[in-house]
Each structure stands twice: as structure tokens, then as C-alpha cells.
Amino acid sequence: MSSGRLINTSAPGTAPSVLVSVTMTAGDMLVIVMDTCRNTGGSAMTIPGTWNGESLTESANILHAGGRITAHILTLVAASSGTYTPAITCSNSAAAVGAYYYVVRGQSGSPIKQTQTNSATSSAGPVQTTITAPNSGALILATGSVRFATGGATAMNAQSPLTADDTFQTGTGNNLDLAFGAGHMTAPSSSNITIGFTPDATQNLLIAAIEVF
């Protein structure tokens, strides 16, 4: 129904600046795909959030084995209607954060059918994951991210069959570079689908994806 860039910040902290408000009608589903990079440390990070006081659920969370970089998928089926700015909090101080949001109209029951994550180390990509036996016509939403490489990483490009929705760099300096990507597709059938993102620099990569139906 609608989508857009939600966060693009390289200011270290636990409360990244949210760029836009999000409009929903009760029953709509909000999906936020989000990646973070910490300037030090390798511990996991949770991402609490709300929209109009309604709590987002962290449906997917992955920490790269090399530390610092995390990927998340936050979801909410709205109980209320209106236009509100989401409030997002990182449990650890993040030096760089990227996020993109999707609003899917009229969800009911149990719209999340699966989430998938994967990682690659010191790789030129792509980093890939497989959506297993999706529902025909299901919406697949995904994010890919890459932590710094010599000379910096500036793009994380969604590969076919994903439609690329956004990619940008946030953060600067060896340990702070984060290149973020977001993409979506509609599953044409129930056959397994391999999706991926390719960076413009070599380092640690993450992917996280969700099937909504």
C-alpha cells in the first residue's frame, strides 16, 4: 500500500532519528526492515518499537558472527487508525542505522508465514536466503546490509527477482560504514525462491526476509 525510507542515521545512540510518519488504518500491517552497525562490541541487540503506542514485534533478529552488524524485521498489525511517527529504540548504542518501512493493507489472522536470515563473511556477495514453499501471491520483503570494507561500502543492491526499493550508505569510517538495502517481490508460485543482495565492497554481509500473506 505504501513504503518509504524510515531511518538513515550515523549519529551513535540508542534512539535513531525517524524520518517520516506512517499512516495506517486498523487492520493494516506495518513491516520495518532494519540494520544496525555498532562502533565497538559484538553482542546481540534487540529493537523495541511502537506506533501510536502499539508495540512492534521483533519477528527476525540476526547478529553477524563477526559482531557489530545486526539485521531486524519489526512487525505490527494496527489496532488503531491514523498517522503517527514510529518510536524505535536500540538496546545497544548503534553507530549507524538504516531502515525501510512497508504498509500492507487489510491483514488478518496470522499474516506472517515465515522469516529467513543468513550471513556471509568477507564476501563480495551475494548474500542469499531461501523462502521455502511460499504461498502463491505472498509478499516477500527483505533487507540486506554490509559492514565496512577498505574504501567504504556505499550500496547493497537487491538482486532479481527482488524489486530494489532503496539502498544507501550510513556511517563513515572503518568500523562505522553500513550499506543498507531493501527490496520486495510477490511470490509467483509455491516453489522455493532464492533472494539476495550484492554489495559494492567486500566485508561482512547479512540478509533478513519475511513472507506476508
Protein backbone atom coordinates (compact mmCIF):
# COMPACT_ATOMS: atom_id res chain seq x y z
CA MET A 1 0.00 0.00 0.00
CA SER A 2 2.82 2.38 0.90
CA SER A 3 6.51 2.29 1.72
CA GLY A 4 9.50 4.54 2.27
CA ARG A 5 12.80 5.22 3.96
CA LEU A 6 12.31 5.33 7.71
CA ILE A 7 15.81 5.77 9.21
CA ASN A 8 19.17 6.84 7.80
CA THR A 9 21.40 7.92 10.64
CA SER A 10 25.06 7.75 11.57
CA ALA A 11 24.69 9.51 14.93
CA PRO A 12 25.68 6.99 17.63
CA GLY A 13 22.96 6.32 20.17
CA THR A 14 20.05 4.15 21.19
CA ALA A 15 17.23 6.24 19.66
CA PRO A 16 17.82 6.72 15.93
CA SER A 17 16.04 9.62 14.26
CA VAL A 18 12.88 8.58 12.42
CA LEU A 19 12.43 10.45 9.13
CA VAL A 20 8.70 10.14 8.43
CA SER A 21 5.32 9.40 9.95
CA VAL A 22 3.35 6.33 8.87
CA THR A 23 -0.37 6.28 8.02
CA MET A 24 -2.40 3.13 8.72
CA THR A 25 -5.99 2.01 9.08
CA ALA A 26 -6.88 -0.58 11.70
CA GLY A 27 -6.02 -4.00 10.26
CA ASP A 28 -3.12 -2.72 8.15
CA MET A 29 0.26 -4.33 8.77
CA LEU A 30 3.48 -2.38 9.30
CA VAL A 31 6.73 -4.14 8.42
CA ILE A 32 10.06 -2.42 9.15
CA VAL A 33 13.27 -3.93 7.78
CA MET A 34 16.25 -2.53 9.69
CA ASP A 35 20.01 -2.93 10.02
CA THR A 36 22.49 -1.54 12.54
CA CYS A 37 26.25 -1.27 12.96
CA ARG A 38 27.93 -0.67 16.32
CA ASN A 39 31.26 1.09 16.57
CA THR A 40 32.55 -1.43 19.14
CA GLY A 41 31.45 -4.71 20.62
CA GLY A 42 29.89 -7.85 19.26
CA SER A 43 26.84 -8.50 21.42
CA ALA A 44 23.32 -9.01 20.13
CA MET A 45 20.84 -6.14 20.02
CA THR A 46 17.08 -6.01 20.43
CA ILE A 47 14.98 -3.30 18.78
CA PRO A 48 11.82 -2.32 20.71
CA GLY A 49 9.42 0.00 18.92
CA THR A 50 5.90 1.42 18.92
CA TRP A 51 3.42 3.07 16.55
CA ASN A 52 0.67 5.10 18.26
CA GLY A 53 1.62 3.33 21.48
CA GLU A 54 1.11 -0.11 19.91
CA SER A 55 4.14 -2.35 20.33
CA LEU A 56 6.04 -3.67 17.34
CA THR A 57 7.16 -7.31 17.43
CA GLU A 58 10.73 -8.18 16.52
CA SER A 59 9.93 -11.00 14.12
CA ALA A 60 13.54 -11.55 12.99
CA ASN A 61 16.89 -10.70 14.61
CA ILE A 62 20.36 -11.77 13.45
CA LEU A 63 23.82 -10.78 14.70
CA HIS A 64 26.74 -11.42 12.37
CA ALA A 65 29.26 -13.87 13.81
CA GLY A 66 31.91 -11.19 13.29
CA GLY A 67 29.96 -8.87 15.57
CA ARG A 68 28.81 -5.26 15.27
CA ILE A 69 26.34 -5.66 12.41
CA THR A 70 22.71 -6.73 13.03
CA ALA A 71 19.56 -7.18 10.92
CA HIS A 72 15.98 -6.99 12.17
CA ILE A 73 12.38 -7.22 10.98
CA LEU A 74 9.75 -5.43 13.09
CA THR A 75 6.03 -6.07 12.54
CA LEU A 76 2.67 -4.79 13.78
CA VAL A 77 -0.96 -5.31 12.73
CA ALA A 78 -2.53 -1.99 13.70
CA ALA A 79 -5.45 -1.92 16.12
CA SER A 80 -6.00 1.80 15.55
CA SER A 81 -6.03 4.23 12.63
CA GLY A 82 -4.14 7.44 11.97
CA THR A 83 -0.81 8.98 11.07
CA TYR A 84 1.92 8.59 13.68
CA THR A 85 5.70 8.56 13.83
CA PRO A 86 7.12 5.20 14.96
CA ALA A 87 9.37 5.27 18.01
CA ILE A 88 12.37 2.95 17.60
CA THR A 89 14.92 2.12 20.31
CA CYS A 90 18.17 0.13 20.09
CA SER A 91 19.12 -1.84 23.20
CA ASN A 92 22.79 -1.06 22.50
CA SER A 93 24.31 2.13 21.12
CA ALA A 94 24.32 1.92 17.33
CA ALA A 95 26.74 3.99 15.26
CA ALA A 96 24.81 3.56 12.02
CA VAL A 97 21.20 2.56 11.37
CA GLY A 98 19.21 2.05 8.19
CA ALA A 99 15.52 1.18 7.97
CA TYR A 100 12.74 1.00 5.39
CA TYR A 101 9.03 0.51 6.05
CA TYR A 102 6.15 -1.18 4.24
CA VAL A 103 2.43 -0.86 4.99
CA VAL A 104 0.36 -3.81 3.75
CA ARG A 105 -3.39 -3.30 3.59
CA GLY A 106 -6.03 -5.37 5.33
CA GLN A 107 -4.14 -8.18 7.01
CA SER A 108 -5.96 -10.59 9.32
CA GLY A 109 -5.41 -13.89 11.10
CA SER A 110 -1.69 -14.81 11.11
CA PRO A 111 -0.16 -12.88 8.19
CA ILE A 112 3.48 -13.82 8.93
CA LYS A 113 4.16 -17.17 7.29
CA GLN A 114 7.96 -17.33 7.72
CA THR A 115 11.12 -15.36 8.28
CA GLN A 116 14.56 -16.26 6.95
CA THR A 117 18.05 -14.92 7.72
CA ASN A 118 21.58 -15.62 6.57
CA SER A 119 25.10 -14.17 6.68
CA ALA A 120 28.38 -14.18 4.76
CA THR A 121 31.86 -13.21 5.90
CA SER A 122 34.38 -11.08 3.99
CA SER A 123 32.38 -11.68 0.87
CA ALA A 124 31.76 -9.80 -2.35
CA GLY A 125 28.29 -11.33 -2.26
CA PRO A 126 25.64 -12.01 -2.95
CA VAL A 127 24.36 -12.92 0.48
CA GLN A 128 21.29 -15.09 -0.07
CA THR A 129 18.46 -16.85 1.69
CA THR A 130 15.65 -19.14 0.53
CA ILE A 131 11.94 -18.55 1.04
CA THR A 132 10.66 -22.10 1.41
CA ALA A 133 7.38 -23.08 -0.31
CA PRO A 134 5.78 -19.63 -0.11
CA ASN A 135 2.09 -19.08 -0.62
CA SER A 136 1.34 -18.16 -4.23
CA GLY A 137 0.81 -14.40 -4.28
CA ALA A 138 2.53 -13.83 -0.94
CA LEU A 139 4.51 -10.64 -0.42
CA ILE A 140 8.23 -11.14 0.28
CA LEU A 141 10.03 -8.23 1.99
CA ALA A 142 13.78 -8.26 2.60
CA THR A 143 16.78 -6.27 3.76
CA GLY A 144 20.49 -6.72 3.10
CA SER A 145 23.41 -4.97 4.76
CA VAL A 146 27.20 -4.89 4.63
CA ARG A 147 29.66 -3.63 7.25
CA PHE A 148 32.73 -1.60 6.32
CA ALA A 149 35.44 -2.52 3.85
CA THR A 150 38.60 -0.65 2.91
CA GLY A 151 37.38 2.36 0.98
CA GLY A 152 33.88 2.01 2.39
CA ALA A 153 30.68 0.27 1.35
CA THR A 154 28.10 2.56 -0.27
CA ALA A 155 25.43 0.26 -1.76
CA MET A 156 23.66 -3.04 -1.07
CA ASN A 157 21.84 -3.93 -4.26
CA ALA A 158 18.79 -6.21 -4.32
CA GLN A 159 19.12 -8.92 -6.94
CA SER A 160 16.39 -10.29 -9.23
CA PRO A 161 13.72 -11.47 -8.55
CA LEU A 162 13.56 -8.80 -5.83
CA THR A 163 12.50 -5.30 -6.82
CA ALA A 164 15.03 -2.88 -5.32
CA ASP A 165 13.28 -0.31 -3.12
CA ASP A 166 16.21 1.53 -1.52
CA THR A 167 19.94 1.42 -0.92
CA PHE A 168 22.21 3.91 0.82
CA GLN A 169 25.29 4.27 2.98
CA THR A 170 25.03 5.45 6.55
CA GLY A 171 28.02 5.91 8.86
CA THR A 172 31.61 6.75 7.97
CA GLY A 173 35.00 5.37 8.95
CA ASN A 174 36.37 1.84 9.08
CA ASN A 175 34.12 0.43 11.79
CA LEU A 176 31.09 2.59 11.13
CA ASP A 177 30.26 2.11 7.45
CA LEU A 178 26.92 0.42 6.86
CA ALA A 179 25.42 -0.04 3.43
CA PHE A 180 21.70 -0.80 3.59
CA GLY A 181 19.34 -2.28 1.02
CA ALA A 182 15.64 -3.10 0.91
CA GLY A 183 13.57 -4.96 -1.65
CA HIS A 184 10.30 -6.79 -2.24
CA MET A 185 8.58 -9.24 -4.57
CA THR A 186 5.36 -11.21 -4.97
CA ALA A 187 5.77 -14.99 -4.94
CA PRO A 188 4.60 -16.31 -8.33
CA SER A 189 4.00 -19.85 -7.04
CA SER A 190 4.73 -22.17 -4.13
CA SER A 191 8.21 -23.02 -5.44
CA ASN A 192 11.20 -22.16 -3.27
CA ILE A 193 12.64 -18.71 -4.03
CA THR A 194 16.28 -17.71 -3.52
CA ILE A 195 16.73 -13.99 -2.96
CA GLY A 196 19.86 -11.97 -2.31
CA PHE A 197 21.73 -8.67 -2.10
CA THR A 198 25.13 -7.79 -3.54
CA PRO A 199 27.36 -5.06 -2.03
CA ASP A 200 29.81 -2.76 -3.77
CA ALA A 201 32.55 -3.68 -1.28
CA THR A 202 33.77 -6.80 0.45
CA GLN A 203 33.06 -7.44 4.12
CA ASN A 204 30.53 -8.97 6.48
CA LEU A 205 27.01 -9.32 5.00
CA LEU A 206 23.54 -10.02 6.38
CA ILE A 207 20.11 -10.71 4.88
CA ALA A 208 16.72 -10.95 6.58
CA ALA A 209 13.39 -11.66 4.85
CA ILE A 210 9.73 -12.16 5.69
CA GLU A 211 6.75 -13.71 3.91
CA VAL A 212 3.44 -11.93 4.50
CA PHE A 213 0.18 -13.46 3.25
